[in-house]
Amino acid sequence: MAYTKYSLTPADNNAAPPNGAPEGMLPSAVNDTMRDMMSQIRDVGDGIRGGTYTMTEPVITGGSISGITDLLVADGGTGASTAANARLNLNAVGYTTTTGSVIINSGTTAQRDGSPANGYFRYNSDLDSFEGYVDGAWGGIGGAQAGGVIYENGTTISSNYTFTTGKNGFSVGAITIASGVTVTVPSGQRWVIL
């Protein structure tokens, strides 16, 4: 009998040997029952040591698991078989190491989300820059370098761009707008090129 059929309440394990140990059983039956339990204990131990033990309805409370580089994930609703793929399928942010870097989605301008929402963030490989979505438009995200003194911008606009309502903008240097690309500056707003 599989160990999972034994009751966690000792008195309830009173089925006929070797599936249990009823009161008054013959001494030979005691041996059979003990051997069956030993076999089941060995099976569980071998499974745990070999890394192939399958838990049903596992619950891990507190503590930690160490020394494992990747846990086998039994679907868990993600359709994945590794922890890394489960993170991807759950749309979780990946990371290189716990003290390293987060992995941000990256793609071309054409690969932007079709129906973005405020707060979306990605790396645009066409523009070689980070961008975020807010108030109906994608916009560059960046900061000054050299202690806040130098801001850099590209020199070629390769995809359509519409200024966010109520916002102005500036660019420095000669700016090239690629063929077929449109930059829209709404009425009452300004784009200054220095």
N, C-alpha and C. Protein backbone atom coordinates (compact mmCIF):
# COMPACT_ATOMS: atom_id res chain seq x y z
N MET A 1 0.84 -1.17 0.00
CA MET A 1 0.00 0.00 0.00
C MET A 1 0.89 1.24 0.00
N ALA A 2 0.52 2.23 -0.76
CA ALA A 2 1.30 3.46 -0.81
C ALA A 2 1.20 4.18 0.53
N TYR A 3 2.28 4.81 0.93
CA TYR A 3 2.31 5.49 2.23
C TYR A 3 1.22 6.55 2.34
N THR A 4 0.78 7.10 1.20
CA THR A 4 -0.24 8.14 1.26
C THR A 4 -1.59 7.60 1.71
N LYS A 5 -1.76 6.28 1.69
CA LYS A 5 -3.02 5.69 2.13
C LYS A 5 -3.06 5.52 3.64
N TYR A 6 -1.90 5.60 4.29
CA TYR A 6 -1.88 5.50 5.75
C TYR A 6 -2.49 6.76 6.33
N SER A 7 -3.16 6.64 7.46
CA SER A 7 -3.77 7.79 8.13
C SER A 7 -2.73 8.50 8.98
N LEU A 8 -2.89 9.81 9.14
CA LEU A 8 -2.03 10.57 10.04
C LEU A 8 -2.43 10.35 11.50
N THR A 9 -3.59 9.74 11.70
CA THR A 9 -4.04 9.39 13.05
C THR A 9 -3.69 7.92 13.28
N PRO A 10 -2.74 7.61 14.19
CA PRO A 10 -2.26 6.23 14.36
C PRO A 10 -3.37 5.21 14.56
N ALA A 11 -4.39 5.51 15.37
CA ALA A 11 -5.44 4.54 15.66
C ALA A 11 -6.27 4.18 14.44
N ASP A 12 -6.25 5.05 13.41
CA ASP A 12 -7.04 4.78 12.20
C ASP A 12 -6.34 3.83 11.23
N ASN A 13 -5.10 3.49 11.49
CA ASN A 13 -4.36 2.56 10.63
C ASN A 13 -4.61 1.12 11.10
N ASN A 14 -5.87 0.69 11.07
CA ASN A 14 -6.25 -0.61 11.60
C ASN A 14 -6.80 -1.55 10.54
N ALA A 15 -6.48 -1.33 9.28
CA ALA A 15 -6.90 -2.22 8.21
C ALA A 15 -6.13 -3.54 8.32
N ALA A 16 -6.57 -4.53 7.57
CA ALA A 16 -5.89 -5.83 7.58
C ALA A 16 -4.46 -5.67 7.07
N PRO A 17 -3.51 -6.46 7.61
CA PRO A 17 -2.10 -6.37 7.20
C PRO A 17 -1.97 -6.69 5.70
N PRO A 18 -1.04 -6.11 4.96
CA PRO A 18 -0.04 -5.16 5.42
C PRO A 18 -0.50 -3.71 5.30
N ASN A 19 -1.81 -3.49 5.01
CA ASN A 19 -2.32 -2.14 4.82
C ASN A 19 -2.60 -1.42 6.13
N GLY A 20 -2.49 -2.12 7.22
CA GLY A 20 -2.71 -1.53 8.52
C GLY A 20 -2.23 -2.47 9.60
N ALA A 21 -2.54 -2.14 10.83
CA ALA A 21 -2.11 -2.96 11.97
C ALA A 21 -3.25 -3.03 12.98
N PRO A 22 -4.22 -3.93 12.75
CA PRO A 22 -5.35 -4.03 13.68
C PRO A 22 -4.92 -4.65 15.01
N GLU A 23 -5.68 -4.36 16.07
CA GLU A 23 -5.40 -4.96 17.37
C GLU A 23 -5.47 -6.48 17.25
N GLY A 24 -4.55 -7.16 17.93
CA GLY A 24 -4.56 -8.61 18.00
C GLY A 24 -4.08 -9.31 16.74
N MET A 25 -3.39 -8.64 15.87
CA MET A 25 -2.93 -9.30 14.65
C MET A 25 -1.80 -10.28 14.97
N LEU A 26 -1.64 -11.26 14.09
CA LEU A 26 -0.64 -12.30 14.28
C LEU A 26 0.77 -11.71 14.18
N PRO A 27 1.73 -12.28 14.92
CA PRO A 27 3.11 -11.78 14.85
C PRO A 27 3.67 -11.74 13.42
N SER A 28 3.32 -12.71 12.58
CA SER A 28 3.83 -12.69 11.20
C SER A 28 3.27 -11.50 10.43
N ALA A 29 2.04 -11.09 10.76
CA ALA A 29 1.43 -9.93 10.11
C ALA A 29 2.12 -8.65 10.54
N VAL A 30 2.60 -8.61 11.78
CA VAL A 30 3.35 -7.44 12.25
C VAL A 30 4.58 -7.26 11.37
N ASN A 31 5.27 -8.36 11.08
CA ASN A 31 6.45 -8.29 10.21
C ASN A 31 6.08 -7.77 8.82
N ASP A 32 4.97 -8.29 8.25
CA ASP A 32 4.55 -7.84 6.92
C ASP A 32 4.24 -6.34 6.91
N THR A 33 3.54 -5.88 7.93
CA THR A 33 3.17 -4.46 8.02
C THR A 33 4.41 -3.59 8.17
N MET A 34 5.34 -4.01 9.02
CA MET A 34 6.57 -3.24 9.21
C MET A 34 7.38 -3.18 7.92
N ARG A 35 7.46 -4.30 7.22
CA ARG A 35 8.21 -4.32 5.95
C ARG A 35 7.57 -3.39 4.92
N ASP A 36 6.23 -3.39 4.90
CA ASP A 36 5.54 -2.49 3.97
C ASP A 36 5.85 -1.04 4.30
N MET A 37 5.80 -0.68 5.58
CA MET A 37 6.09 0.70 5.99
C MET A 37 7.55 1.06 5.67
N MET A 38 8.48 0.13 5.92
CA MET A 38 9.88 0.38 5.60
C MET A 38 10.06 0.65 4.11
N SER A 39 9.35 -0.13 3.29
CA SER A 39 9.44 0.05 1.84
C SER A 39 8.93 1.44 1.44
N GLN A 40 7.81 1.85 2.06
CA GLN A 40 7.24 3.16 1.73
C GLN A 40 8.15 4.30 2.18
N ILE A 41 8.73 4.15 3.36
CA ILE A 41 9.66 5.17 3.86
C ILE A 41 10.87 5.28 2.94
N ARG A 42 11.39 4.15 2.48
CA ARG A 42 12.53 4.15 1.57
C ARG A 42 12.17 4.83 0.25
N ASP A 43 10.97 4.53 -0.25
CA ASP A 43 10.51 5.13 -1.51
C ASP A 43 10.45 6.65 -1.40
N VAL A 44 9.91 7.18 -0.31
CA VAL A 44 9.84 8.63 -0.10
C VAL A 44 11.25 9.21 -0.01
N GLY A 45 12.11 8.56 0.77
CA GLY A 45 13.48 9.06 0.93
C GLY A 45 14.24 9.08 -0.38
N ASP A 46 14.13 8.00 -1.17
CA ASP A 46 14.82 7.96 -2.46
C ASP A 46 14.31 9.05 -3.39
N GLY A 47 13.01 9.28 -3.38
CA GLY A 47 12.43 10.32 -4.23
C GLY A 47 12.94 11.69 -3.87
N ILE A 48 13.04 11.97 -2.58
CA ILE A 48 13.53 13.28 -2.13
C ILE A 48 15.00 13.43 -2.48
N ARG A 49 15.81 12.43 -2.23
CA ARG A 49 17.24 12.51 -2.54
C ARG A 49 17.48 12.61 -4.03
N GLY A 50 16.70 11.89 -4.83
CA GLY A 50 16.90 11.87 -6.28
C GLY A 50 16.30 13.07 -6.98
N GLY A 51 15.56 13.87 -6.25
CA GLY A 51 14.98 15.07 -6.86
C GLY A 51 13.77 14.78 -7.71
N THR A 52 13.19 13.56 -7.60
CA THR A 52 12.06 13.22 -8.45
C THR A 52 10.77 13.01 -7.66
N TYR A 53 10.77 13.40 -6.43
CA TYR A 53 9.59 13.22 -5.59
C TYR A 53 8.51 14.21 -6.00
N THR A 54 7.30 13.73 -6.19
CA THR A 54 6.19 14.59 -6.58
C THR A 54 5.29 14.83 -5.39
N MET A 55 5.11 16.10 -5.04
CA MET A 55 4.21 16.44 -3.94
C MET A 55 2.85 16.79 -4.52
N THR A 56 1.80 16.38 -3.82
CA THR A 56 0.46 16.80 -4.20
C THR A 56 0.00 17.79 -3.16
N GLU A 57 -0.51 18.91 -3.62
CA GLU A 57 -0.98 19.98 -2.75
C GLU A 57 0.08 20.42 -1.74
N PRO A 58 1.30 20.76 -2.22
CA PRO A 58 2.35 21.18 -1.28
C PRO A 58 2.05 22.55 -0.69
N VAL A 59 2.44 22.71 0.55
CA VAL A 59 2.33 24.01 1.22
C VAL A 59 3.67 24.27 1.89
N ILE A 60 4.32 25.36 1.52
CA ILE A 60 5.58 25.74 2.14
C ILE A 60 5.31 27.03 2.91
N THR A 61 5.50 26.97 4.20
CA THR A 61 5.24 28.14 5.05
C THR A 61 6.55 28.59 5.67
N GLY A 62 6.95 29.82 5.38
CA GLY A 62 8.19 30.35 5.95
C GLY A 62 9.40 29.59 5.44
N GLY A 63 10.54 29.86 6.03
CA GLY A 63 11.76 29.17 5.65
C GLY A 63 12.22 29.53 4.25
N SER A 64 13.15 28.77 3.76
CA SER A 64 13.67 29.02 2.42
C SER A 64 14.21 27.73 1.83
N ILE A 65 14.40 27.75 0.53
CA ILE A 65 15.01 26.64 -0.18
C ILE A 65 16.32 27.16 -0.72
N SER A 66 17.41 26.48 -0.40
CA SER A 66 18.71 26.96 -0.88
C SER A 66 19.43 25.85 -1.63
N GLY A 67 20.43 26.24 -2.39
CA GLY A 67 21.25 25.28 -3.13
C GLY A 67 20.61 24.79 -4.40
N ILE A 68 19.50 25.40 -4.83
CA ILE A 68 18.82 24.99 -6.05
C ILE A 68 18.89 26.16 -7.02
N THR A 69 19.39 25.90 -8.23
CA THR A 69 19.50 27.00 -9.19
C THR A 69 18.22 27.20 -9.97
N ASP A 70 17.40 26.17 -10.11
CA ASP A 70 16.15 26.31 -10.84
C ASP A 70 15.19 25.25 -10.33
N LEU A 71 14.01 25.63 -9.90
CA LEU A 71 13.02 24.68 -9.42
C LEU A 71 12.16 24.21 -10.58
N LEU A 72 11.84 22.92 -10.56
CA LEU A 72 10.91 22.40 -11.55
C LEU A 72 9.52 22.89 -11.19
N VAL A 73 8.85 23.49 -12.13
CA VAL A 73 7.52 24.02 -11.87
C VAL A 73 6.52 23.13 -12.59
N ALA A 74 5.63 22.54 -11.83
CA ALA A 74 4.63 21.66 -12.42
C ALA A 74 3.45 22.52 -12.87
N ASP A 75 3.63 23.22 -13.95
CA ASP A 75 2.63 24.07 -14.57
C ASP A 75 2.21 25.21 -13.65
N GLY A 76 1.46 24.96 -12.59
CA GLY A 76 1.02 26.02 -11.70
C GLY A 76 0.18 27.07 -12.41
N GLY A 77 -0.43 26.67 -13.54
CA GLY A 77 -1.26 27.59 -14.28
C GLY A 77 -0.48 28.43 -15.28
N THR A 78 0.84 28.26 -15.35
CA THR A 78 1.64 29.08 -16.25
C THR A 78 1.96 28.37 -17.55
N GLY A 79 1.83 27.05 -17.58
CA GLY A 79 2.23 26.29 -18.76
C GLY A 79 3.72 26.14 -18.86
N ALA A 80 4.46 26.52 -17.84
CA ALA A 80 5.92 26.48 -17.87
C ALA A 80 6.45 25.27 -17.11
N SER A 81 7.67 24.87 -17.44
CA SER A 81 8.28 23.76 -16.73
C SER A 81 9.52 24.18 -15.97
N THR A 82 9.91 25.45 -16.04
CA THR A 82 11.04 25.95 -15.27
C THR A 82 10.63 27.24 -14.57
N ALA A 83 11.33 27.56 -13.51
CA ALA A 83 11.03 28.79 -12.77
C ALA A 83 11.20 30.01 -13.65
N ALA A 84 12.25 30.02 -14.49
CA ALA A 84 12.49 31.19 -15.37
C ALA A 84 11.32 31.38 -16.33
N ASN A 85 10.85 30.30 -16.95
CA ASN A 85 9.73 30.42 -17.88
C ASN A 85 8.44 30.75 -17.17
N ALA A 86 8.28 30.26 -15.94
CA ALA A 86 7.08 30.59 -15.18
C ALA A 86 7.03 32.09 -14.91
N ARG A 87 8.20 32.70 -14.58
CA ARG A 87 8.23 34.15 -14.36
C ARG A 87 7.82 34.86 -15.64
N LEU A 88 8.30 34.39 -16.79
CA LEU A 88 7.95 35.03 -18.05
C LEU A 88 6.46 34.89 -18.33
N ASN A 89 5.93 33.66 -18.14
CA ASN A 89 4.53 33.43 -18.43
C ASN A 89 3.60 34.14 -17.46
N LEU A 90 4.09 34.48 -16.30
CA LEU A 90 3.30 35.23 -15.33
C LEU A 90 3.46 36.74 -15.54
N ASN A 91 4.20 37.11 -16.57
CA ASN A 91 4.49 38.51 -16.86
C ASN A 91 5.20 39.19 -15.70
N ALA A 92 6.01 38.42 -15.00
CA ALA A 92 6.79 38.98 -13.90
C ALA A 92 8.08 39.56 -14.46
N VAL A 93 8.64 40.51 -13.75
CA VAL A 93 9.89 41.10 -14.16
C VAL A 93 11.01 40.13 -13.84
N GLY A 94 11.82 39.81 -14.84
CA GLY A 94 12.96 38.94 -14.62
C GLY A 94 14.13 39.72 -14.06
N TYR A 95 15.14 38.99 -13.64
CA TYR A 95 16.32 39.64 -13.10
C TYR A 95 17.53 38.76 -13.36
N THR A 96 18.71 39.39 -13.38
CA THR A 96 19.93 38.64 -13.65
C THR A 96 20.41 37.93 -12.40
N THR A 97 20.45 38.60 -11.29
CA THR A 97 20.75 38.04 -9.97
C THR A 97 20.03 38.91 -8.96
N THR A 98 20.00 38.48 -7.72
CA THR A 98 19.28 39.28 -6.72
C THR A 98 19.93 40.62 -6.48
N THR A 99 21.20 40.77 -6.81
CA THR A 99 21.86 42.07 -6.66
C THR A 99 22.24 42.67 -8.01
N GLY A 100 21.78 42.05 -9.09
CA GLY A 100 22.12 42.50 -10.44
C GLY A 100 21.11 43.48 -10.99
N SER A 101 20.60 43.16 -12.16
CA SER A 101 19.72 44.07 -12.88
C SER A 101 18.37 43.42 -13.16
N VAL A 102 17.33 44.25 -13.30
CA VAL A 102 16.05 43.73 -13.78
C VAL A 102 16.11 43.66 -15.29
N ILE A 103 15.33 42.79 -15.86
CA ILE A 103 15.29 42.63 -17.31
C ILE A 103 14.00 43.28 -17.80
N ILE A 104 14.15 44.35 -18.58
CA ILE A 104 13.02 45.11 -19.09
C ILE A 104 12.70 44.64 -20.50
N ASN A 105 11.41 44.59 -20.82
CA ASN A 105 11.02 44.21 -22.18
C ASN A 105 11.67 45.14 -23.19
N SER A 106 12.07 44.56 -24.32
CA SER A 106 12.76 45.31 -25.36
C SER A 106 12.18 44.95 -26.71
N GLY A 107 12.05 45.95 -27.57
CA GLY A 107 11.55 45.69 -28.91
C GLY A 107 11.57 46.94 -29.75
N THR A 108 11.20 46.77 -31.00
CA THR A 108 11.19 47.90 -31.95
C THR A 108 9.96 48.76 -31.70
N THR A 109 9.91 49.90 -32.37
CA THR A 109 8.75 50.78 -32.27
C THR A 109 7.50 50.05 -32.74
N ALA A 110 7.62 49.27 -33.81
CA ALA A 110 6.47 48.54 -34.35
C ALA A 110 5.97 47.47 -33.38
N GLN A 111 6.79 47.06 -32.45
CA GLN A 111 6.41 46.01 -31.51
C GLN A 111 5.81 46.55 -30.21
N ARG A 112 5.56 47.83 -30.14
CA ARG A 112 4.91 48.40 -28.96
C ARG A 112 3.55 47.73 -28.75
N ASP A 113 3.05 47.76 -27.52
CA ASP A 113 1.73 47.21 -27.23
C ASP A 113 0.67 47.89 -28.08
N GLY A 114 -0.30 47.11 -28.56
CA GLY A 114 -1.36 47.66 -29.39
C GLY A 114 -2.33 48.54 -28.62
N SER A 115 -2.57 48.20 -27.36
CA SER A 115 -3.49 48.98 -26.51
C SER A 115 -2.79 49.25 -25.18
N PRO A 116 -1.80 50.15 -25.19
CA PRO A 116 -1.05 50.41 -23.97
C PRO A 116 -1.88 51.17 -22.93
N ALA A 117 -1.42 51.08 -21.70
CA ALA A 117 -2.06 51.81 -20.60
C ALA A 117 -0.99 52.65 -19.91
N ASN A 118 -1.42 53.68 -19.20
CA ASN A 118 -0.47 54.51 -18.46
C ASN A 118 0.40 53.65 -17.57
N GLY A 119 1.70 53.94 -17.59
CA GLY A 119 2.64 53.21 -16.74
C GLY A 119 3.43 52.14 -17.45
N TYR A 120 3.09 51.83 -18.70
CA TYR A 120 3.88 50.83 -19.43
C TYR A 120 5.29 51.38 -19.63
N PHE A 121 6.27 50.49 -19.56
CA PHE A 121 7.68 50.88 -19.62
C PHE A 121 8.43 49.83 -20.42
N ARG A 122 9.31 50.25 -21.31
CA ARG A 122 10.06 49.31 -22.15
C ARG A 122 11.31 49.96 -22.69
N TYR A 123 12.15 49.16 -23.35
CA TYR A 123 13.32 49.68 -24.05
C TYR A 123 13.02 49.59 -25.54
N ASN A 124 13.15 50.71 -26.24
CA ASN A 124 12.89 50.76 -27.68
C ASN A 124 14.21 50.55 -28.41
N SER A 125 14.35 49.41 -29.08
CA SER A 125 15.61 49.09 -29.75
C SER A 125 15.81 49.90 -31.02
N ASP A 126 14.75 50.45 -31.60
CA ASP A 126 14.91 51.35 -32.76
C ASP A 126 15.50 52.69 -32.32
N LEU A 127 15.04 53.17 -31.18
CA LEU A 127 15.46 54.48 -30.70
C LEU A 127 16.64 54.42 -29.75
N ASP A 128 17.05 53.20 -29.38
CA ASP A 128 18.13 53.01 -28.40
C ASP A 128 17.88 53.81 -27.14
N SER A 129 16.64 53.72 -26.63
CA SER A 129 16.32 54.44 -25.41
C SER A 129 15.13 53.80 -24.69
N PHE A 130 15.01 54.12 -23.41
CA PHE A 130 13.87 53.66 -22.63
C PHE A 130 12.69 54.57 -22.95
N GLU A 131 11.48 54.01 -22.88
CA GLU A 131 10.30 54.81 -23.11
C GLU A 131 9.17 54.34 -22.21
N GLY A 132 8.27 55.27 -21.94
CA GLY A 132 7.12 54.97 -21.11
C GLY A 132 5.87 55.51 -21.76
N TYR A 133 4.73 54.95 -21.36
CA TYR A 133 3.44 55.37 -21.93
C TYR A 133 2.66 56.13 -20.87
N VAL A 134 2.20 57.34 -21.24
CA VAL A 134 1.38 58.14 -20.34
C VAL A 134 0.49 59.07 -21.16
N ASP A 135 -0.74 59.21 -20.72
CA ASP A 135 -1.69 60.14 -21.34
C ASP A 135 -1.80 59.99 -22.86
N GLY A 136 -1.84 58.76 -23.33
CA GLY A 136 -2.08 58.51 -24.75
C GLY A 136 -0.87 58.54 -25.66
N ALA A 137 0.34 58.61 -25.12
CA ALA A 137 1.51 58.68 -25.99
C ALA A 137 2.72 58.03 -25.33
N TRP A 138 3.59 57.49 -26.19
CA TRP A 138 4.88 56.98 -25.74
C TRP A 138 5.85 58.15 -25.67
N GLY A 139 6.70 58.18 -24.66
CA GLY A 139 7.69 59.24 -24.53
C GLY A 139 8.99 58.69 -23.99
N GLY A 140 10.06 59.35 -24.32
CA GLY A 140 11.38 58.94 -23.86
C GLY A 140 11.53 59.10 -22.35
N ILE A 141 12.29 58.20 -21.77
CA ILE A 141 12.60 58.27 -20.34
C ILE A 141 14.10 58.27 -20.21
N GLY A 142 14.61 59.21 -19.53
CA GLY A 142 16.05 59.26 -19.36
C GLY A 142 16.40 60.37 -18.39
N GLY A 143 17.65 60.56 -18.24
CA GLY A 143 18.08 61.60 -17.32
C GLY A 143 19.38 62.19 -17.78
N ALA A 144 19.79 63.19 -17.09
CA ALA A 144 21.03 63.86 -17.44
C ALA A 144 22.22 63.03 -17.01
N GLN A 145 23.29 63.20 -17.73
CA GLN A 145 24.56 62.55 -17.40
C GLN A 145 25.51 63.60 -16.85
N ALA A 146 26.68 63.20 -16.47
CA ALA A 146 27.72 64.11 -15.98
C ALA A 146 27.20 64.99 -14.84
N GLY A 147 26.59 64.32 -13.87
CA GLY A 147 26.13 65.07 -12.70
C GLY A 147 24.97 66.00 -12.97
N GLY A 148 24.13 65.68 -13.94
CA GLY A 148 22.96 66.50 -14.23
C GLY A 148 23.23 67.64 -15.18
N VAL A 149 24.39 67.67 -15.83
CA VAL A 149 24.76 68.78 -16.69
C VAL A 149 24.46 68.50 -18.17
N ILE A 150 24.59 67.25 -18.60
CA ILE A 150 24.45 66.92 -20.02
C ILE A 150 23.24 66.03 -20.26
N TYR A 151 22.38 66.47 -21.18
CA TYR A 151 21.25 65.68 -21.65
C TYR A 151 21.55 65.33 -23.10
N GLU A 152 21.40 64.06 -23.43
CA GLU A 152 21.67 63.65 -24.82
C GLU A 152 20.36 63.34 -25.53
N ASN A 153 20.33 63.61 -26.84
CA ASN A 153 19.21 63.18 -27.67
C ASN A 153 19.75 62.66 -28.98
N GLY A 154 18.95 61.81 -29.62
CA GLY A 154 19.34 61.28 -30.93
C GLY A 154 19.22 62.36 -31.99
N THR A 155 19.60 62.00 -33.20
CA THR A 155 19.57 62.99 -34.28
C THR A 155 18.57 62.62 -35.38
N THR A 156 17.97 61.42 -35.30
CA THR A 156 17.03 60.99 -36.33
C THR A 156 15.74 60.52 -35.69
N ILE A 157 14.61 61.02 -36.20
CA ILE A 157 13.30 60.58 -35.74
C ILE A 157 12.82 59.56 -36.76
N SER A 158 12.67 58.31 -36.34
CA SER A 158 12.36 57.24 -37.29
C SER A 158 10.95 56.69 -37.16
N SER A 159 10.15 57.26 -36.26
CA SER A 159 8.76 56.83 -36.15
C SER A 159 7.88 58.03 -35.82
N ASN A 160 6.62 57.93 -36.18
CA ASN A 160 5.69 59.03 -35.92
C ASN A 160 5.67 59.37 -34.43
N TYR A 161 5.54 60.66 -34.15
CA TYR A 161 5.49 61.10 -32.76
C TYR A 161 4.53 62.26 -32.64
N THR A 162 3.69 62.19 -31.61
CA THR A 162 2.77 63.29 -31.30
C THR A 162 3.06 63.74 -29.89
N PHE A 163 3.30 65.05 -29.73
CA PHE A 163 3.56 65.59 -28.40
C PHE A 163 2.35 65.34 -27.49
N THR A 164 2.64 65.06 -26.24
CA THR A 164 1.59 64.87 -25.25
C THR A 164 0.84 66.19 -25.07
N THR A 165 -0.47 66.12 -24.97
CA THR A 165 -1.29 67.32 -24.81
C THR A 165 -0.81 68.14 -23.61
N GLY A 166 -0.61 69.44 -23.87
CA GLY A 166 -0.19 70.35 -22.81
C GLY A 166 1.30 70.32 -22.53
N LYS A 167 2.08 69.65 -23.37
CA LYS A 167 3.53 69.54 -23.15
C LYS A 167 4.28 70.19 -24.31
N ASN A 168 5.43 70.76 -23.99
CA ASN A 168 6.35 71.30 -24.99
C ASN A 168 7.58 70.41 -25.02
N GLY A 169 8.43 70.59 -26.02
CA GLY A 169 9.64 69.79 -26.09
C GLY A 169 10.76 70.54 -26.77
N PHE A 170 11.98 70.00 -26.60
CA PHE A 170 13.12 70.60 -27.29
C PHE A 170 14.10 69.51 -27.71
N SER A 171 14.84 69.79 -28.73
CA SER A 171 15.90 68.91 -29.22
C SER A 171 17.10 69.79 -29.52
N VAL A 172 18.29 69.21 -29.49
CA VAL A 172 19.51 69.96 -29.74
C VAL A 172 20.22 69.36 -30.95
N GLY A 173 20.67 70.23 -31.84
CA GLY A 173 21.45 69.79 -32.99
C GLY A 173 20.58 69.62 -34.22
N ALA A 174 21.24 69.22 -35.29
CA ALA A 174 20.52 68.96 -36.53
C ALA A 174 19.67 67.72 -36.33
N ILE A 175 18.39 67.82 -36.64
CA ILE A 175 17.45 66.71 -36.47
C ILE A 175 16.95 66.29 -37.84
N THR A 176 17.00 65.00 -38.11
CA THR A 176 16.50 64.45 -39.37
C THR A 176 15.22 63.69 -39.08
N ILE A 177 14.17 64.00 -39.85
CA ILE A 177 12.92 63.25 -39.74
C ILE A 177 12.89 62.31 -40.93
N ALA A 178 12.86 61.00 -40.64
CA ALA A 178 12.91 59.99 -41.70
C ALA A 178 11.73 60.14 -42.66
N SER A 179 11.93 59.68 -43.89
CA SER A 179 10.91 59.76 -44.93
C SER A 179 9.63 59.07 -44.47
N GLY A 180 8.50 59.74 -44.63
CA GLY A 180 7.21 59.18 -44.28
C GLY A 180 6.84 59.30 -42.82
N VAL A 181 7.73 59.89 -42.03
CA VAL A 181 7.50 60.02 -40.58
C VAL A 181 6.96 61.41 -40.29
N THR A 182 6.02 61.50 -39.35
CA THR A 182 5.40 62.77 -38.99
C THR A 182 5.59 63.06 -37.52
N VAL A 183 5.97 64.30 -37.21
CA VAL A 183 6.02 64.78 -35.83
C VAL A 183 4.88 65.77 -35.70
N THR A 184 3.97 65.51 -34.77
CA THR A 184 2.80 66.37 -34.59
C THR A 184 2.94 67.18 -33.31
N VAL A 185 2.90 68.53 -33.48
CA VAL A 185 2.95 69.45 -32.34
C VAL A 185 1.58 70.12 -32.30
N PRO A 186 0.76 69.78 -31.30
CA PRO A 186 -0.58 70.36 -31.23
C PRO A 186 -0.56 71.89 -31.12
N SER A 187 -1.65 72.50 -31.52
CA SER A 187 -1.80 73.95 -31.46
C SER A 187 -1.57 74.45 -30.04
N GLY A 188 -0.80 75.52 -29.91
CA GLY A 188 -0.53 76.12 -28.61
C GLY A 188 0.67 75.50 -27.90
N GLN A 189 1.30 74.49 -28.50
CA GLN A 189 2.47 73.87 -27.91
C GLN A 189 3.69 74.17 -28.79
N ARG A 190 4.88 73.93 -28.25
CA ARG A 190 6.10 74.25 -29.02
C ARG A 190 7.10 73.12 -28.97
N TRP A 191 7.82 73.01 -30.10
CA TRP A 191 8.99 72.13 -30.18
C TRP A 191 10.13 73.02 -30.60
N VAL A 192 11.11 73.18 -29.73
CA VAL A 192 12.23 74.07 -30.00
C VAL A 192 13.44 73.19 -30.35
N ILE A 193 14.07 73.53 -31.48
CA ILE A 193 15.30 72.83 -31.88
C ILE A 193 16.42 73.83 -31.77
N LEU A 194 17.37 73.54 -30.91
CA LEU A 194 18.50 74.45 -30.69
C LEU A 194 19.66 74.06 -31.58
